[in-house]
Amino acid sequence: MFAPAPCAFQESESRGRRYPEPAHPYRGEFERDRDRIQHARAFRRLENKTQVFTRRYSDHFRNRLTHTLEVAQISRTVARVLGLNEDLTETLALAHDLGHPPFGHAGEQALDRVMRAHGGFFDHNLHALRIVEHFEQRYLEFPGLNLSFEVREGLIKHSRDYDPAQFPGLVEYDLVSRPPLEAQLIDLTDELAYLCADLDDGYEAGLLPLESILPAAPQFDRLYQSLRRRLPSAGSDGLEKLCFSQALRGLLDFLVTGLIEGTRAAMAGFSTSQAVRQHSTRIAGFTPSAESERLALKQFLYRHLYNHPRLLQEKREAEALVERAFHRLLEHPEQLPPGYRNSSETRVRLVCDYLAGMTDGYLRGLGL
C-alpha cells in the first residue's frame, strides 16, 4: 500500500547479533527480536509499573505496559505510512520502556539520586540494555536475548545522545552518529502517546477540569467546540465525556499526521539509511502547527498535572520508599536473591539493578 522509502533501514543492512544464529524459516530478524521482547519477564512486569497514576486511583488508568502498547500502535502506523521498516520500529517501541524502575519517573529520579551519592548514576535506557544483554536468561546458547545490533542501539539512542568521552563502554554503538530513522521516531511517538493519554487520565481523575484544558490546547479546543455546536445539549456529564473523548481522538490524529508530514518532508533529502545516520542532527519531526500544539500540551501537563499537589504527595512517598529500600539492601546484602549475591558487580550496582527490576506492588510488599 505504501512504497518503501529510500532511507528506510533494510534488514539486509543489519550488523546482526552478538552471537550468530541460523535464520528462521518464516520470521525476519526484527520480528524475532520483537517476539523475544514480548516474552521477556521485564516486559510483563511493565503491567505493574506506574505511568502517571498508581493503581490507588483506578484500574482504568494507563500503566507502563498499556502505554507501551499505545506507543507501538502509533509507531507501526507512522512507519507504515512513511515506508520505513515497520518491524524494527515496532520492536523498538515495545522495548523502549523496559528499563524503567517502579513508580515511573519518581522511582527513576530517586534511584539516580542515591546512585550519584555513591559515585554512579541510573539511566533507564542504559538499564534496558543491561536487561536484554544480561538479566533475561532464556536461552542455552547465549546470555540475554541476543537481540540484533540495531535494536540494542535503538534502545540507548532513541531518546537522547550520549557523549562518547563519558560513555567509553558504549563505543560499539558509534555514539557520534545518529540512530536510524525508525529509532528516531520512537522518542516522538512515545511523547504523543503519553501526552494524549495523560490528558485523558488527568481529566478522568478530576485533576484537569475541561475549562482549564480548552484554552491551553488550541487544536483540542477547536475540535471540542465543533462537537458542542453539533450537540447543543453536550453540557450533561455523559455527553461532555463523549465529546472529550471524540476531541481527544481528533487531537491524536492531528499530532500523528503532523509527525508523518513533518518527517516525510525531512526524508526527501536522504537517499539511504546511512545518510540519515551521518546527518548532523535527527531528522524526524513535526509540521510547525503540530509542533506548536505539542509544546502547548506538554507545558500545560507539566504545570497542571505532573506537579499537581495530589500527585506530588504520591511522588514523594514513592521516592522515599525507593531510597529506604536502596539503603536497606545496601546494609543487608544477604536479602538480595542468590543470583545477585554471586555476581561480580559492585554491591551498589547490584542493589540498583535489583530495585530497578521491581514492580510497584513488589516494592510496596517489602514493607519498608
Protein backbone atom coordinates (compact mmCIF):
# COMPACT_ATOMS: atom_id res chain seq x y z
CA MET A 1 0.00 0.00 0.00
CA PHE A 2 2.85 2.41 0.86
CA ALA A 3 6.07 2.30 -1.14
CA PRO A 4 9.32 1.62 0.80
CA ALA A 5 11.28 4.80 1.45
CA PRO A 6 14.85 5.00 0.10
CA CYS A 7 16.17 5.86 3.57
CA ALA A 8 14.30 3.04 5.34
CA PHE A 9 16.54 0.65 7.22
CA GLN A 10 16.77 -2.68 5.41
CA GLU A 11 17.21 -5.85 7.40
CA SER A 12 19.97 -6.85 4.99
CA GLU A 13 22.00 -3.90 6.34
CA SER A 14 21.87 -5.20 9.91
CA ARG A 15 25.09 -5.78 11.80
CA GLY A 16 23.47 -8.93 13.14
CA ARG A 17 23.53 -10.50 16.58
CA ARG A 18 26.34 -10.66 19.08
CA TYR A 19 26.09 -14.46 18.96
CA PRO A 20 25.29 -15.67 15.40
CA GLU A 21 22.16 -17.74 14.98
CA PRO A 22 20.69 -19.55 11.97
CA ALA A 23 17.91 -17.68 10.17
CA HIS A 24 14.32 -18.57 10.95
CA PRO A 25 12.36 -20.13 8.06
CA TYR A 26 9.45 -17.66 8.14
CA ARG A 27 10.27 -14.80 10.51
CA GLY A 28 12.61 -11.91 9.89
CA GLU A 29 15.29 -10.99 12.41
CA PHE A 30 13.49 -7.93 13.76
CA GLU A 31 10.29 -9.95 14.08
CA ARG A 32 12.20 -12.46 16.19
CA ASP A 33 13.54 -9.61 18.31
CA ARG A 34 10.02 -8.29 18.79
CA ASP A 35 8.79 -11.70 19.95
CA ARG A 36 11.72 -12.15 22.35
CA ILE A 37 10.88 -8.83 23.95
CA GLN A 38 7.20 -9.70 24.28
CA HIS A 39 8.08 -12.96 26.04
CA ALA A 40 10.55 -11.30 28.43
CA ARG A 41 9.78 -11.05 32.13
CA ALA A 42 10.79 -7.40 32.10
CA PHE A 43 8.07 -6.74 29.52
CA ARG A 44 5.39 -8.43 31.62
CA ARG A 45 6.48 -6.53 34.72
CA LEU A 46 5.57 -3.25 32.99
CA GLU A 47 1.94 -4.07 33.81
CA ASN A 48 2.59 -3.16 37.45
CA LYS A 49 4.81 -0.12 36.96
CA THR A 50 3.38 3.39 37.20
CA GLN A 51 2.91 5.58 34.16
CA VAL A 52 1.47 8.66 35.93
CA PHE A 53 -1.26 7.35 38.21
CA THR A 54 -0.73 4.46 40.60
CA ARG A 55 -3.42 1.83 40.98
CA ARG A 56 -4.62 3.61 44.09
CA TYR A 57 -6.56 5.88 41.72
CA SER A 58 -8.16 3.41 39.32
CA ASP A 59 -7.52 0.25 37.33
CA HIS A 60 -8.70 2.17 34.27
CA PHE A 61 -5.67 4.44 34.00
CA ARG A 62 -2.60 3.66 31.95
CA ASN A 63 0.25 1.69 33.37
CA ARG A 64 3.68 1.34 31.81
CA LEU A 65 2.60 -1.70 29.76
CA THR A 66 -0.58 -0.22 28.28
CA HIS A 67 1.39 2.93 27.47
CA THR A 68 3.96 0.79 25.65
CA LEU A 69 1.24 -0.88 23.59
CA GLU A 70 -0.15 2.53 22.61
CA VAL A 71 3.33 3.67 21.54
CA ALA A 72 3.71 0.51 19.44
CA GLN A 73 0.36 1.08 17.72
CA ILE A 74 1.19 4.67 16.81
CA SER A 75 4.72 3.74 15.76
CA ARG A 76 3.58 0.98 13.41
CA THR A 77 1.16 3.35 11.72
CA VAL A 78 3.75 6.09 11.23
CA ALA A 79 6.39 3.67 9.96
CA ARG A 80 3.98 2.04 7.50
CA VAL A 81 2.80 5.34 6.03
CA LEU A 82 6.36 6.62 5.67
CA GLY A 83 7.58 3.38 4.10
CA LEU A 84 10.05 2.69 6.91
CA ASN A 85 10.95 -0.65 8.47
CA GLU A 86 7.81 -1.44 10.42
CA ASP A 87 9.25 -4.48 12.20
CA LEU A 88 12.24 -2.57 13.55
CA THR A 89 10.04 0.35 14.58
CA GLU A 90 7.54 -1.85 16.41
CA THR A 91 10.30 -3.76 18.18
CA LEU A 92 11.88 -0.57 19.47
CA ALA A 93 8.50 0.76 20.58
CA LEU A 94 7.81 -2.38 22.61
CA ALA A 95 11.27 -2.29 24.20
CA HIS A 96 11.64 1.44 24.84
CA ASP A 97 10.46 1.38 28.50
CA LEU A 98 11.94 -1.94 29.63
CA GLY A 99 14.47 -0.17 31.83
CA HIS A 100 12.03 1.90 33.89
CA PRO A 101 12.06 1.19 37.63
CA PRO A 102 8.94 1.07 39.83
CA PHE A 103 6.84 4.22 40.28
CA GLY A 104 7.69 5.80 36.93
CA HIS A 105 9.85 8.90 36.81
CA ALA A 106 9.67 9.34 40.58
CA GLY A 107 11.37 5.98 41.04
CA GLU A 108 13.94 6.79 38.39
CA GLN A 109 14.83 10.12 39.97
CA ALA A 110 15.20 8.56 43.41
CA LEU A 111 17.35 5.72 42.11
CA ASP A 112 19.58 8.11 40.19
CA ARG A 113 19.93 10.33 43.25
CA VAL A 114 21.08 7.55 45.58
CA MET A 115 23.40 6.14 42.93
CA ARG A 116 25.06 9.54 42.43
CA ALA A 117 25.68 9.72 46.15
CA HIS A 118 27.79 6.60 45.65
CA GLY A 119 29.58 7.84 42.52
CA GLY A 120 27.27 6.20 39.99
CA PHE A 121 24.05 7.05 38.17
CA PHE A 122 20.88 5.45 36.86
CA ASP A 123 19.68 5.82 33.26
CA HIS A 124 16.65 3.80 32.17
CA ASN A 125 17.83 3.48 28.57
CA LEU A 126 21.16 2.00 29.62
CA HIS A 127 19.40 -0.21 32.14
CA ALA A 128 17.18 -1.53 29.34
CA LEU A 129 20.34 -2.55 27.50
CA ARG A 130 21.57 -4.38 30.62
CA ILE A 131 18.24 -6.19 30.85
CA VAL A 132 18.31 -7.56 27.31
CA GLU A 133 22.05 -8.30 27.42
CA HIS A 134 22.34 -9.88 30.87
CA PHE A 135 19.25 -10.21 33.04
CA GLU A 136 16.84 -12.02 30.71
CA GLN A 137 18.19 -15.58 30.75
CA ARG A 138 16.07 -17.78 28.49
CA TYR A 139 18.50 -19.47 26.12
CA LEU A 140 21.12 -22.19 26.48
CA GLU A 141 23.34 -20.90 23.68
CA PHE A 142 23.95 -17.32 24.85
CA PRO A 143 23.33 -14.83 27.68
CA GLY A 144 20.48 -12.35 27.42
CA LEU A 145 18.11 -12.13 24.46
CA ASN A 146 20.84 -11.78 21.81
CA LEU A 147 18.95 -9.02 20.02
CA SER A 148 20.05 -7.53 16.71
CA PHE A 149 22.56 -4.70 16.89
CA GLU A 150 20.07 -2.10 15.63
CA VAL A 151 17.55 -2.94 18.36
CA ARG A 152 20.21 -2.67 21.07
CA GLU A 153 21.44 0.57 19.50
CA GLY A 154 17.91 1.97 19.32
CA LEU A 155 17.28 1.14 22.97
CA ILE A 156 20.01 3.50 24.10
CA LYS A 157 19.92 6.11 21.33
CA HIS A 158 16.22 6.57 20.57
CA SER A 159 15.64 9.43 23.00
CA ARG A 160 18.99 11.06 23.66
CA ASP A 161 22.59 11.38 22.53
CA TYR A 162 25.49 10.18 24.68
CA ASP A 163 28.91 11.78 24.83
CA PRO A 164 31.48 9.18 23.68
CA ALA A 165 34.05 10.57 26.12
CA GLN A 166 31.72 10.00 29.08
CA PHE A 167 30.50 6.57 27.96
CA PRO A 168 33.51 4.66 26.60
CA GLY A 169 31.76 1.37 27.32
CA LEU A 170 29.28 2.14 24.51
CA VAL A 171 31.93 2.54 21.81
CA GLU A 172 30.46 -0.22 19.65
CA TYR A 173 27.30 1.87 19.18
CA ASP A 174 29.12 4.71 17.39
CA LEU A 175 27.72 7.44 19.61
CA VAL A 176 28.71 10.25 17.24
CA SER A 177 26.27 9.01 14.59
CA ARG A 178 22.51 9.37 14.57
CA PRO A 179 20.31 6.29 15.01
CA PRO A 180 18.22 5.05 12.05
CA LEU A 181 15.04 6.98 11.34
CA GLU A 182 12.99 4.12 12.78
CA ALA A 183 14.64 4.68 16.15
CA GLN A 184 14.32 8.45 15.91
CA LEU A 185 10.55 8.09 15.59
CA ILE A 186 10.19 6.29 18.91
CA ASP A 187 11.00 9.30 21.07
CA LEU A 188 8.31 11.30 19.26
CA THR A 189 5.61 8.61 19.16
CA ASP A 190 6.30 7.97 22.85
CA GLU A 191 5.64 11.61 23.59
CA LEU A 192 2.45 11.76 21.52
CA ALA A 193 1.15 8.65 23.25
CA TYR A 194 1.77 9.90 26.77
CA LEU A 195 0.62 13.48 26.16
CA CYS A 196 -2.78 12.40 24.90
CA ALA A 197 -3.11 9.55 27.38
CA ASP A 198 -2.12 11.70 30.35
CA LEU A 199 -4.61 14.35 29.28
CA ASP A 200 -7.26 11.64 29.17
CA ASP A 201 -6.38 10.14 32.54
CA GLY A 202 -5.95 13.55 34.18
CA TYR A 203 -9.40 14.60 33.01
CA GLU A 204 -10.95 11.30 34.11
CA ALA A 205 -9.30 11.62 37.53
CA GLY A 206 -10.81 15.07 38.01
CA LEU A 207 -7.42 16.77 38.21
CA LEU A 208 -7.76 18.54 34.87
CA PRO A 209 -11.10 20.34 34.51
CA LEU A 210 -12.26 20.83 30.95
CA GLU A 211 -12.29 24.60 31.34
CA SER A 212 -8.55 24.55 32.09
CA ILE A 213 -7.73 22.30 29.13
CA LEU A 214 -9.52 24.19 26.36
CA PRO A 215 -7.53 27.44 26.41
CA ALA A 216 -4.24 25.54 26.72
CA ALA A 217 -4.65 23.27 23.66
CA PRO A 218 -5.94 25.26 20.65
CA GLN A 219 -6.47 22.30 18.32
CA PHE A 220 -8.27 20.32 21.01
CA ASP A 221 -10.40 23.39 21.74
CA ARG A 222 -11.39 23.72 18.08
CA LEU A 223 -12.35 20.07 17.89
CA TYR A 224 -14.31 20.19 21.13
CA GLN A 225 -16.17 23.38 20.24
CA SER A 226 -17.13 21.90 16.86
CA LEU A 227 -18.70 18.94 18.64
CA ARG A 228 -20.52 21.23 21.05
CA ARG A 229 -22.07 23.14 18.16
CA ARG A 230 -23.28 19.86 16.71
CA LEU A 231 -24.58 18.69 20.09
CA PRO A 232 -26.07 21.68 21.95
CA SER A 233 -27.01 19.52 24.94
CA ALA A 234 -23.42 18.41 25.46
CA GLY A 235 -23.34 20.12 28.83
CA SER A 236 -24.54 16.96 30.56
CA ASP A 237 -21.81 14.89 32.17
CA GLY A 238 -22.21 11.88 29.85
CA LEU A 239 -22.18 13.93 26.66
CA GLU A 240 -19.30 16.06 27.87
CA LYS A 241 -17.18 12.94 28.36
CA LEU A 242 -18.14 11.62 24.93
CA CYS A 243 -17.26 14.94 23.32
CA PHE A 244 -14.00 14.99 25.25
CA SER A 245 -13.08 11.51 24.03
CA GLN A 246 -14.01 12.34 20.44
CA ALA A 247 -11.97 15.55 20.51
CA LEU A 248 -9.02 13.71 22.05
CA ARG A 249 -9.09 11.17 19.22
CA GLY A 250 -9.04 14.04 16.76
CA LEU A 251 -6.13 15.66 18.61
CA LEU A 252 -4.06 12.46 18.47
CA ASP A 253 -4.84 12.10 14.77
CA PHE A 254 -3.78 15.71 14.18
CA LEU A 255 -0.47 15.19 16.00
CA VAL A 256 0.32 11.87 14.33
CA THR A 257 -0.47 13.37 10.93
CA GLY A 258 1.82 16.28 11.76
CA LEU A 259 4.60 13.85 12.64
CA ILE A 260 4.11 11.93 9.40
CA GLU A 261 4.05 15.05 7.23
CA GLY A 262 6.94 16.73 9.03
CA THR A 263 9.14 13.65 8.85
CA ARG A 264 8.19 12.92 5.23
CA ALA A 265 9.30 16.41 4.21
CA ALA A 266 12.64 15.96 6.01
CA MET A 267 13.17 12.50 4.47
CA ALA A 268 13.06 13.88 0.95
CA GLY A 269 16.73 14.84 1.05
CA PHE A 270 18.01 11.39 2.10
CA SER A 271 18.51 8.52 -0.29
CA THR A 272 19.92 5.91 2.13
CA SER A 273 19.67 4.97 5.77
CA GLN A 274 23.39 5.62 6.09
CA ALA A 275 22.85 9.22 5.02
CA VAL A 276 20.36 9.57 7.91
CA ARG A 277 22.99 8.25 10.31
CA GLN A 278 25.65 10.66 9.06
CA HIS A 279 23.45 13.76 9.27
CA SER A 280 24.44 16.32 11.91
CA THR A 281 21.02 16.23 13.60
CA ARG A 282 18.00 13.97 13.86
CA ILE A 283 15.52 14.45 11.04
CA ALA A 284 12.24 13.08 12.43
CA GLY A 285 9.94 15.92 13.43
CA PHE A 286 6.59 17.67 13.22
CA THR A 287 4.97 20.23 11.00
CA PRO A 288 5.00 23.72 12.57
CA SER A 289 1.31 23.57 13.54
CA ALA A 290 1.65 20.14 15.17
CA GLU A 291 4.84 21.19 16.94
CA SER A 292 3.09 24.24 18.37
CA GLU A 293 0.22 22.10 19.68
CA ARG A 294 2.66 19.52 21.09
CA LEU A 295 4.58 22.16 23.02
CA ALA A 296 1.44 23.81 24.36
CA LEU A 297 0.05 20.49 25.55
CA LYS A 298 3.33 19.46 27.15
CA GLN A 299 3.70 22.74 29.02
CA PHE A 300 0.12 22.52 30.24
CA LEU A 301 0.55 18.98 31.57
CA TYR A 302 3.78 19.83 33.38
CA ARG A 303 2.16 22.85 35.03
CA HIS A 304 -1.19 21.32 35.92
CA LEU A 305 -0.87 17.52 36.09
CA TYR A 306 2.65 16.21 36.68
CA ASN A 307 3.16 18.69 39.51
CA HIS A 308 -0.39 18.53 40.85
CA PRO A 309 -0.40 18.50 44.68
CA ARG A 310 -2.22 15.15 44.81
CA LEU A 311 0.37 13.53 42.56
CA LEU A 312 3.31 15.24 44.23
CA GLN A 313 2.41 13.60 47.54
CA GLU A 314 2.47 10.15 45.93
CA LYS A 315 5.69 11.06 44.14
CA ARG A 316 7.39 11.96 47.42
CA GLU A 317 6.17 8.75 49.04
CA ALA A 318 7.45 6.69 46.12
CA GLU A 319 10.86 8.38 46.16
CA ALA A 320 11.18 7.84 49.90
CA LEU A 321 10.26 4.16 49.51
CA VAL A 322 12.86 3.61 46.78
CA GLU A 323 15.54 5.33 48.86
CA ARG A 324 14.69 3.33 52.00
CA ALA A 325 14.80 0.09 50.04
CA PHE A 326 18.14 1.02 48.49
CA HIS A 327 19.80 1.75 51.84
CA ARG A 328 18.24 -1.29 53.50
CA LEU A 329 19.54 -3.66 50.80
CA LEU A 330 22.91 -1.96 50.77
CA GLU A 331 23.25 -2.57 54.50
CA HIS A 332 21.81 -6.11 54.32
CA PRO A 333 23.04 -7.70 51.07
CA GLU A 334 22.00 -11.12 52.37
CA GLN A 335 18.45 -10.08 51.45
CA LEU A 336 19.38 -9.99 47.77
CA PRO A 337 18.43 -13.05 45.68
CA PRO A 338 21.27 -15.60 45.23
CA GLY A 339 21.83 -14.61 41.61
CA TYR A 340 22.64 -11.08 42.68
CA ARG A 341 24.81 -12.05 45.65
CA ASN A 342 27.04 -14.20 43.43
CA SER A 343 27.64 -11.52 40.83
CA SER A 344 31.00 -9.79 40.30
CA GLU A 345 29.33 -6.36 40.14
CA THR A 346 29.74 -3.85 42.97
CA ARG A 347 27.19 -4.06 45.76
CA VAL A 348 25.83 -0.61 44.89
CA ARG A 349 25.18 -1.65 41.29
CA LEU A 350 23.62 -4.93 42.34
CA VAL A 351 21.19 -3.18 44.66
CA CYS A 352 20.35 -0.68 41.92
CA ASP A 353 19.72 -3.45 39.37
CA TYR A 354 17.55 -5.42 41.79
CA LEU A 355 15.45 -2.39 42.71
CA ALA A 356 15.04 -1.28 39.10
CA GLY A 357 13.53 -4.62 38.20
CA MET A 358 10.85 -4.49 40.88
CA THR A 359 7.23 -3.66 40.22
CA ASP A 360 5.31 -1.12 42.29
CA GLY A 361 3.47 -3.87 44.13
CA TYR A 362 6.56 -5.93 44.88
CA LEU A 363 8.42 -2.97 46.33
CA ARG A 364 5.42 -1.99 48.45
CA GLY A 365 5.14 -5.58 49.63
CA LEU A 366 8.62 -5.48 51.15
CA GLY A 367 7.11 -3.43 53.97
CA LEU A 368 9.95 -0.92 54.19
